[in-house]
Amino acid sequence: MKKHPEYGYNMLSRVEYLLPALEIPLYHHEKWDGSGYPRGLKGKEIPLSARIFAVVDVWDALTNERPYRPAWSKERALQYIVSQSGIHFDPEVVKIFLEIMQNKI
């Protein structure tokens, strides 16, 4: 499982028009506190596009049903994302995400 960012990067690197966005699949599992993978990047070492995608990826994973669990409510997912601000997620990205979501929910 922890190899999938590198596998995705390697597969997508063959598609020329995706080259500018390859940092997203490679680094979207890095965490703000440095405990993520595959490189253990921390804070602003993580490309901004990957920091943004990390929040959206978790939002999508939590609010959609999976074979192993039901979907979380939007409110519960937002609470989780807020609880991970400064740990898993860039606090500034979380702040902006919440502003956007408050207008949609």
N, C-alpha and C. Protein backbone atom coordinates (compact mmCIF):
# COMPACT_ATOMS: atom_id res chain seq x y z
N MET A 1 0.82 -1.19 0.00
CA MET A 1 0.00 0.00 0.00
C MET A 1 0.87 1.26 0.00
N LYS A 2 1.91 1.28 0.80
CA LYS A 2 2.74 2.48 0.88
C LYS A 2 3.55 2.73 -0.39
N LYS A 3 3.56 1.80 -1.31
CA LYS A 3 4.27 1.98 -2.57
C LYS A 3 3.39 2.61 -3.66
N HIS A 4 2.07 2.69 -3.42
CA HIS A 4 1.21 3.14 -4.50
C HIS A 4 1.50 4.56 -4.97
N PRO A 5 1.98 5.50 -4.14
CA PRO A 5 2.33 6.80 -4.71
C PRO A 5 3.45 6.69 -5.76
N GLU A 6 4.43 5.86 -5.48
CA GLU A 6 5.52 5.70 -6.44
C GLU A 6 5.07 4.95 -7.68
N TYR A 7 4.21 3.93 -7.50
CA TYR A 7 3.68 3.21 -8.66
C TYR A 7 2.86 4.16 -9.55
N GLY A 8 2.02 4.97 -8.92
CA GLY A 8 1.22 5.93 -9.67
C GLY A 8 2.09 6.92 -10.41
N TYR A 9 3.09 7.44 -9.73
CA TYR A 9 4.03 8.38 -10.34
C TYR A 9 4.69 7.74 -11.56
N ASN A 10 5.18 6.52 -11.41
CA ASN A 10 5.86 5.85 -12.52
C ASN A 10 4.94 5.60 -13.71
N MET A 11 3.70 5.20 -13.44
CA MET A 11 2.75 4.96 -14.53
C MET A 11 2.38 6.27 -15.23
N LEU A 12 2.08 7.30 -14.44
CA LEU A 12 1.63 8.56 -15.01
C LEU A 12 2.75 9.35 -15.68
N SER A 13 4.00 9.07 -15.32
CA SER A 13 5.12 9.82 -15.89
C SER A 13 5.29 9.56 -17.39
N ARG A 14 4.62 8.56 -17.89
CA ARG A 14 4.67 8.26 -19.32
C ARG A 14 3.68 9.11 -20.13
N VAL A 15 2.81 9.83 -19.43
CA VAL A 15 1.80 10.66 -20.08
C VAL A 15 2.30 12.10 -20.05
N GLU A 16 2.73 12.59 -21.20
CA GLU A 16 3.43 13.88 -21.25
C GLU A 16 2.64 15.04 -20.65
N TYR A 17 1.35 15.12 -20.95
CA TYR A 17 0.60 16.27 -20.45
C TYR A 17 0.37 16.23 -18.94
N LEU A 18 0.65 15.10 -18.28
CA LEU A 18 0.51 15.01 -16.83
C LEU A 18 1.79 15.36 -16.08
N LEU A 19 2.89 15.51 -16.78
CA LEU A 19 4.18 15.77 -16.14
C LEU A 19 4.14 16.93 -15.14
N PRO A 20 3.47 18.05 -15.45
CA PRO A 20 3.46 19.15 -14.48
C PRO A 20 2.73 18.83 -13.17
N ALA A 21 1.92 17.78 -13.15
CA ALA A 21 1.13 17.46 -11.96
C ALA A 21 1.61 16.20 -11.23
N LEU A 22 2.75 15.66 -11.60
CA LEU A 22 3.19 14.39 -11.01
C LEU A 22 3.50 14.46 -9.52
N GLU A 23 3.72 15.65 -8.99
CA GLU A 23 3.98 15.75 -7.55
C GLU A 23 2.73 15.37 -6.74
N ILE A 24 1.56 15.47 -7.35
CA ILE A 24 0.33 15.13 -6.61
C ILE A 24 0.28 13.64 -6.29
N PRO A 25 0.34 12.75 -7.28
CA PRO A 25 0.29 11.33 -6.90
C PRO A 25 1.48 10.88 -6.06
N LEU A 26 2.63 11.50 -6.27
CA LEU A 26 3.82 11.07 -5.54
C LEU A 26 3.78 11.49 -4.07
N TYR A 27 3.28 12.67 -3.78
CA TYR A 27 3.39 13.20 -2.42
C TYR A 27 2.07 13.37 -1.67
N HIS A 28 0.94 12.90 -2.19
CA HIS A 28 -0.33 13.15 -1.53
C HIS A 28 -0.52 12.40 -0.21
N HIS A 29 0.37 11.47 0.12
CA HIS A 29 0.31 10.78 1.42
C HIS A 29 1.38 11.27 2.40
N GLU A 30 2.08 12.32 2.04
CA GLU A 30 2.97 12.96 3.01
C GLU A 30 2.09 13.69 4.01
N LYS A 31 2.57 13.84 5.23
CA LYS A 31 1.79 14.51 6.27
C LYS A 31 2.52 15.74 6.78
N TRP A 32 1.75 16.73 7.16
CA TRP A 32 2.29 18.01 7.62
C TRP A 32 3.35 17.81 8.70
N ASP A 33 3.13 16.83 9.60
CA ASP A 33 4.07 16.61 10.71
C ASP A 33 5.27 15.74 10.33
N GLY A 34 5.35 15.30 9.08
CA GLY A 34 6.49 14.50 8.62
C GLY A 34 6.33 13.01 8.76
N SER A 35 5.18 12.54 9.23
CA SER A 35 4.99 11.11 9.47
C SER A 35 4.42 10.35 8.28
N GLY A 36 4.28 11.03 7.13
CA GLY A 36 3.70 10.38 5.96
C GLY A 36 4.71 9.62 5.12
N TYR A 37 4.30 9.27 3.93
CA TYR A 37 5.14 8.51 3.01
C TYR A 37 4.91 8.99 1.59
N PRO A 38 5.80 8.79 0.66
CA PRO A 38 6.93 7.87 0.66
C PRO A 38 8.26 8.48 1.13
N ARG A 39 8.35 9.80 1.24
CA ARG A 39 9.64 10.42 1.56
C ARG A 39 9.73 10.98 2.98
N GLY A 40 8.63 11.03 3.71
CA GLY A 40 8.65 11.61 5.05
C GLY A 40 8.84 13.13 5.03
N LEU A 41 8.33 13.77 3.97
CA LEU A 41 8.43 15.22 3.87
C LEU A 41 7.58 15.86 4.97
N LYS A 42 7.93 17.09 5.33
CA LYS A 42 7.26 17.78 6.44
C LYS A 42 6.92 19.20 6.03
N GLY A 43 5.76 19.67 6.48
CA GLY A 43 5.37 21.06 6.27
C GLY A 43 5.45 21.49 4.83
N LYS A 44 6.08 22.63 4.61
CA LYS A 44 6.14 23.20 3.26
C LYS A 44 7.13 22.51 2.35
N GLU A 45 7.81 21.46 2.85
CA GLU A 45 8.60 20.61 1.95
C GLU A 45 7.66 19.87 0.99
N ILE A 46 6.43 19.65 1.42
CA ILE A 46 5.43 18.97 0.60
C ILE A 46 4.90 19.98 -0.42
N PRO A 47 4.91 19.64 -1.70
CA PRO A 47 4.39 20.58 -2.70
C PRO A 47 2.94 20.97 -2.38
N LEU A 48 2.62 22.24 -2.62
CA LEU A 48 1.29 22.75 -2.30
C LEU A 48 0.19 21.94 -2.97
N SER A 49 0.38 21.56 -4.22
CA SER A 49 -0.65 20.79 -4.92
C SER A 49 -0.95 19.48 -4.20
N ALA A 50 0.07 18.84 -3.66
CA ALA A 50 -0.13 17.58 -2.93
C ALA A 50 -0.78 17.84 -1.57
N ARG A 51 -0.47 18.97 -0.93
CA ARG A 51 -1.11 19.32 0.34
C ARG A 51 -2.60 19.57 0.14
N ILE A 52 -2.95 20.21 -0.96
CA ILE A 52 -4.36 20.44 -1.27
C ILE A 52 -5.05 19.12 -1.57
N PHE A 53 -4.42 18.33 -2.42
CA PHE A 53 -5.03 17.05 -2.81
C PHE A 53 -5.21 16.12 -1.62
N ALA A 54 -4.31 16.16 -0.65
CA ALA A 54 -4.41 15.30 0.52
C ALA A 54 -5.73 15.53 1.26
N VAL A 55 -6.12 16.79 1.41
CA VAL A 55 -7.38 17.10 2.09
C VAL A 55 -8.56 16.60 1.26
N VAL A 56 -8.54 16.87 -0.02
CA VAL A 56 -9.63 16.47 -0.90
C VAL A 56 -9.72 14.94 -0.98
N ASP A 57 -8.59 14.27 -1.02
CA ASP A 57 -8.56 12.82 -1.09
C ASP A 57 -9.18 12.20 0.16
N VAL A 58 -8.83 12.71 1.32
CA VAL A 58 -9.40 12.19 2.57
C VAL A 58 -10.90 12.51 2.64
N TRP A 59 -11.27 13.72 2.25
CA TRP A 59 -12.69 14.08 2.20
C TRP A 59 -13.46 13.07 1.35
N ASP A 60 -12.96 12.81 0.16
CA ASP A 60 -13.62 11.86 -0.74
C ASP A 60 -13.68 10.45 -0.14
N ALA A 61 -12.58 10.02 0.45
CA ALA A 61 -12.54 8.68 1.05
C ALA A 61 -13.53 8.54 2.20
N LEU A 62 -13.66 9.57 3.00
CA LEU A 62 -14.55 9.50 4.17
C LEU A 62 -16.02 9.65 3.83
N THR A 63 -16.33 10.49 2.85
CA THR A 63 -17.73 10.79 2.58
C THR A 63 -18.36 9.88 1.53
N ASN A 64 -17.61 8.92 1.06
CA ASN A 64 -18.15 7.93 0.12
C ASN A 64 -18.06 6.54 0.73
N GLU A 65 -19.09 5.77 0.47
CA GLU A 65 -19.14 4.41 1.00
C GLU A 65 -17.99 3.58 0.45
N ARG A 66 -17.47 2.73 1.29
CA ARG A 66 -16.43 1.78 0.91
C ARG A 66 -16.94 0.38 1.21
N PRO A 67 -16.36 -0.64 0.59
CA PRO A 67 -16.83 -2.01 0.87
C PRO A 67 -16.70 -2.39 2.34
N TYR A 68 -15.77 -1.75 3.05
CA TYR A 68 -15.49 -2.10 4.43
C TYR A 68 -16.13 -1.17 5.46
N ARG A 69 -16.84 -0.09 4.99
CA ARG A 69 -17.51 0.81 5.93
C ARG A 69 -18.46 1.74 5.20
N PRO A 70 -19.49 2.21 5.91
CA PRO A 70 -20.40 3.18 5.29
C PRO A 70 -19.75 4.56 5.20
N ALA A 71 -20.32 5.40 4.37
CA ALA A 71 -19.83 6.77 4.25
C ALA A 71 -20.07 7.53 5.55
N TRP A 72 -19.16 8.43 5.87
CA TRP A 72 -19.34 9.32 7.01
C TRP A 72 -20.21 10.50 6.56
N SER A 73 -20.87 11.12 7.52
CA SER A 73 -21.60 12.36 7.22
C SER A 73 -20.59 13.45 6.88
N LYS A 74 -21.05 14.44 6.17
CA LYS A 74 -20.17 15.56 5.84
C LYS A 74 -19.68 16.26 7.10
N GLU A 75 -20.54 16.39 8.08
CA GLU A 75 -20.16 17.04 9.33
C GLU A 75 -19.06 16.26 10.05
N ARG A 76 -19.21 14.95 10.11
CA ARG A 76 -18.19 14.12 10.77
C ARG A 76 -16.86 14.20 10.03
N ALA A 77 -16.92 14.15 8.70
CA ALA A 77 -15.69 14.24 7.90
C ALA A 77 -15.01 15.59 8.11
N LEU A 78 -15.78 16.67 8.15
CA LEU A 78 -15.19 17.99 8.40
C LEU A 78 -14.54 18.04 9.78
N GLN A 79 -15.20 17.48 10.78
CA GLN A 79 -14.61 17.45 12.13
C GLN A 79 -13.30 16.70 12.13
N TYR A 80 -13.25 15.58 11.41
CA TYR A 80 -12.00 14.81 11.34
C TYR A 80 -10.90 15.63 10.67
N ILE A 81 -11.22 16.27 9.56
CA ILE A 81 -10.21 17.06 8.85
C ILE A 81 -9.70 18.18 9.75
N VAL A 82 -10.59 18.84 10.46
CA VAL A 82 -10.17 19.90 11.39
C VAL A 82 -9.26 19.31 12.47
N SER A 83 -9.60 18.13 12.98
CA SER A 83 -8.79 17.51 14.04
C SER A 83 -7.39 17.15 13.56
N GLN A 84 -7.21 17.01 12.25
CA GLN A 84 -5.92 16.63 11.68
C GLN A 84 -5.14 17.83 11.13
N SER A 85 -5.69 19.01 11.30
CA SER A 85 -5.00 20.23 10.87
C SER A 85 -3.73 20.40 11.71
N GLY A 86 -2.60 20.55 11.04
CA GLY A 86 -1.32 20.68 11.73
C GLY A 86 -0.67 19.35 12.05
N ILE A 87 -1.37 18.27 11.81
CA ILE A 87 -0.83 16.92 12.02
C ILE A 87 -0.69 16.25 10.65
N HIS A 88 -1.84 15.93 10.07
CA HIS A 88 -1.86 15.34 8.74
C HIS A 88 -1.86 16.42 7.66
N PHE A 89 -2.63 17.49 7.91
CA PHE A 89 -2.88 18.49 6.87
C PHE A 89 -2.26 19.84 7.19
N ASP A 90 -1.96 20.57 6.13
CA ASP A 90 -1.51 21.96 6.21
C ASP A 90 -2.66 22.79 6.80
N PRO A 91 -2.43 23.47 7.92
CA PRO A 91 -3.51 24.26 8.53
C PRO A 91 -4.11 25.32 7.61
N GLU A 92 -3.31 25.93 6.77
CA GLU A 92 -3.85 26.94 5.85
C GLU A 92 -4.75 26.31 4.80
N VAL A 93 -4.38 25.14 4.32
CA VAL A 93 -5.22 24.44 3.34
C VAL A 93 -6.54 24.03 3.99
N VAL A 94 -6.48 23.55 5.22
CA VAL A 94 -7.70 23.18 5.94
C VAL A 94 -8.60 24.40 6.11
N LYS A 95 -8.03 25.51 6.47
CA LYS A 95 -8.81 26.75 6.67
C LYS A 95 -9.57 27.12 5.39
N ILE A 96 -8.89 27.10 4.27
CA ILE A 96 -9.52 27.45 2.99
C ILE A 96 -10.55 26.39 2.60
N PHE A 97 -10.23 25.12 2.81
CA PHE A 97 -11.17 24.04 2.51
C PHE A 97 -12.46 24.24 3.31
N LEU A 98 -12.32 24.56 4.59
CA LEU A 98 -13.52 24.79 5.42
C LEU A 98 -14.34 25.96 4.92
N GLU A 99 -13.68 27.03 4.52
CA GLU A 99 -14.40 28.18 3.98
C GLU A 99 -15.21 27.79 2.74
N ILE A 100 -14.60 27.03 1.87
CA ILE A 100 -15.28 26.56 0.66
C ILE A 100 -16.45 25.65 1.02
N MET A 101 -16.20 24.72 1.92
CA MET A 101 -17.24 23.74 2.27
C MET A 101 -18.39 24.36 3.05
N GLN A 102 -18.13 25.37 3.86
CA GLN A 102 -19.20 26.03 4.62
C GLN A 102 -20.21 26.65 3.66
N ASN A 103 -19.76 27.08 2.51
CA ASN A 103 -20.66 27.66 1.52
C ASN A 103 -21.44 26.60 0.75
N LYS A 104 -20.98 25.36 0.78
CA LYS A 104 -21.63 24.27 0.03
C LYS A 104 -22.54 23.41 0.88
N ILE A 105 -22.30 23.38 2.18
CA ILE A 105 -23.07 22.48 3.05
C ILE A 105 -24.25 23.21 3.64
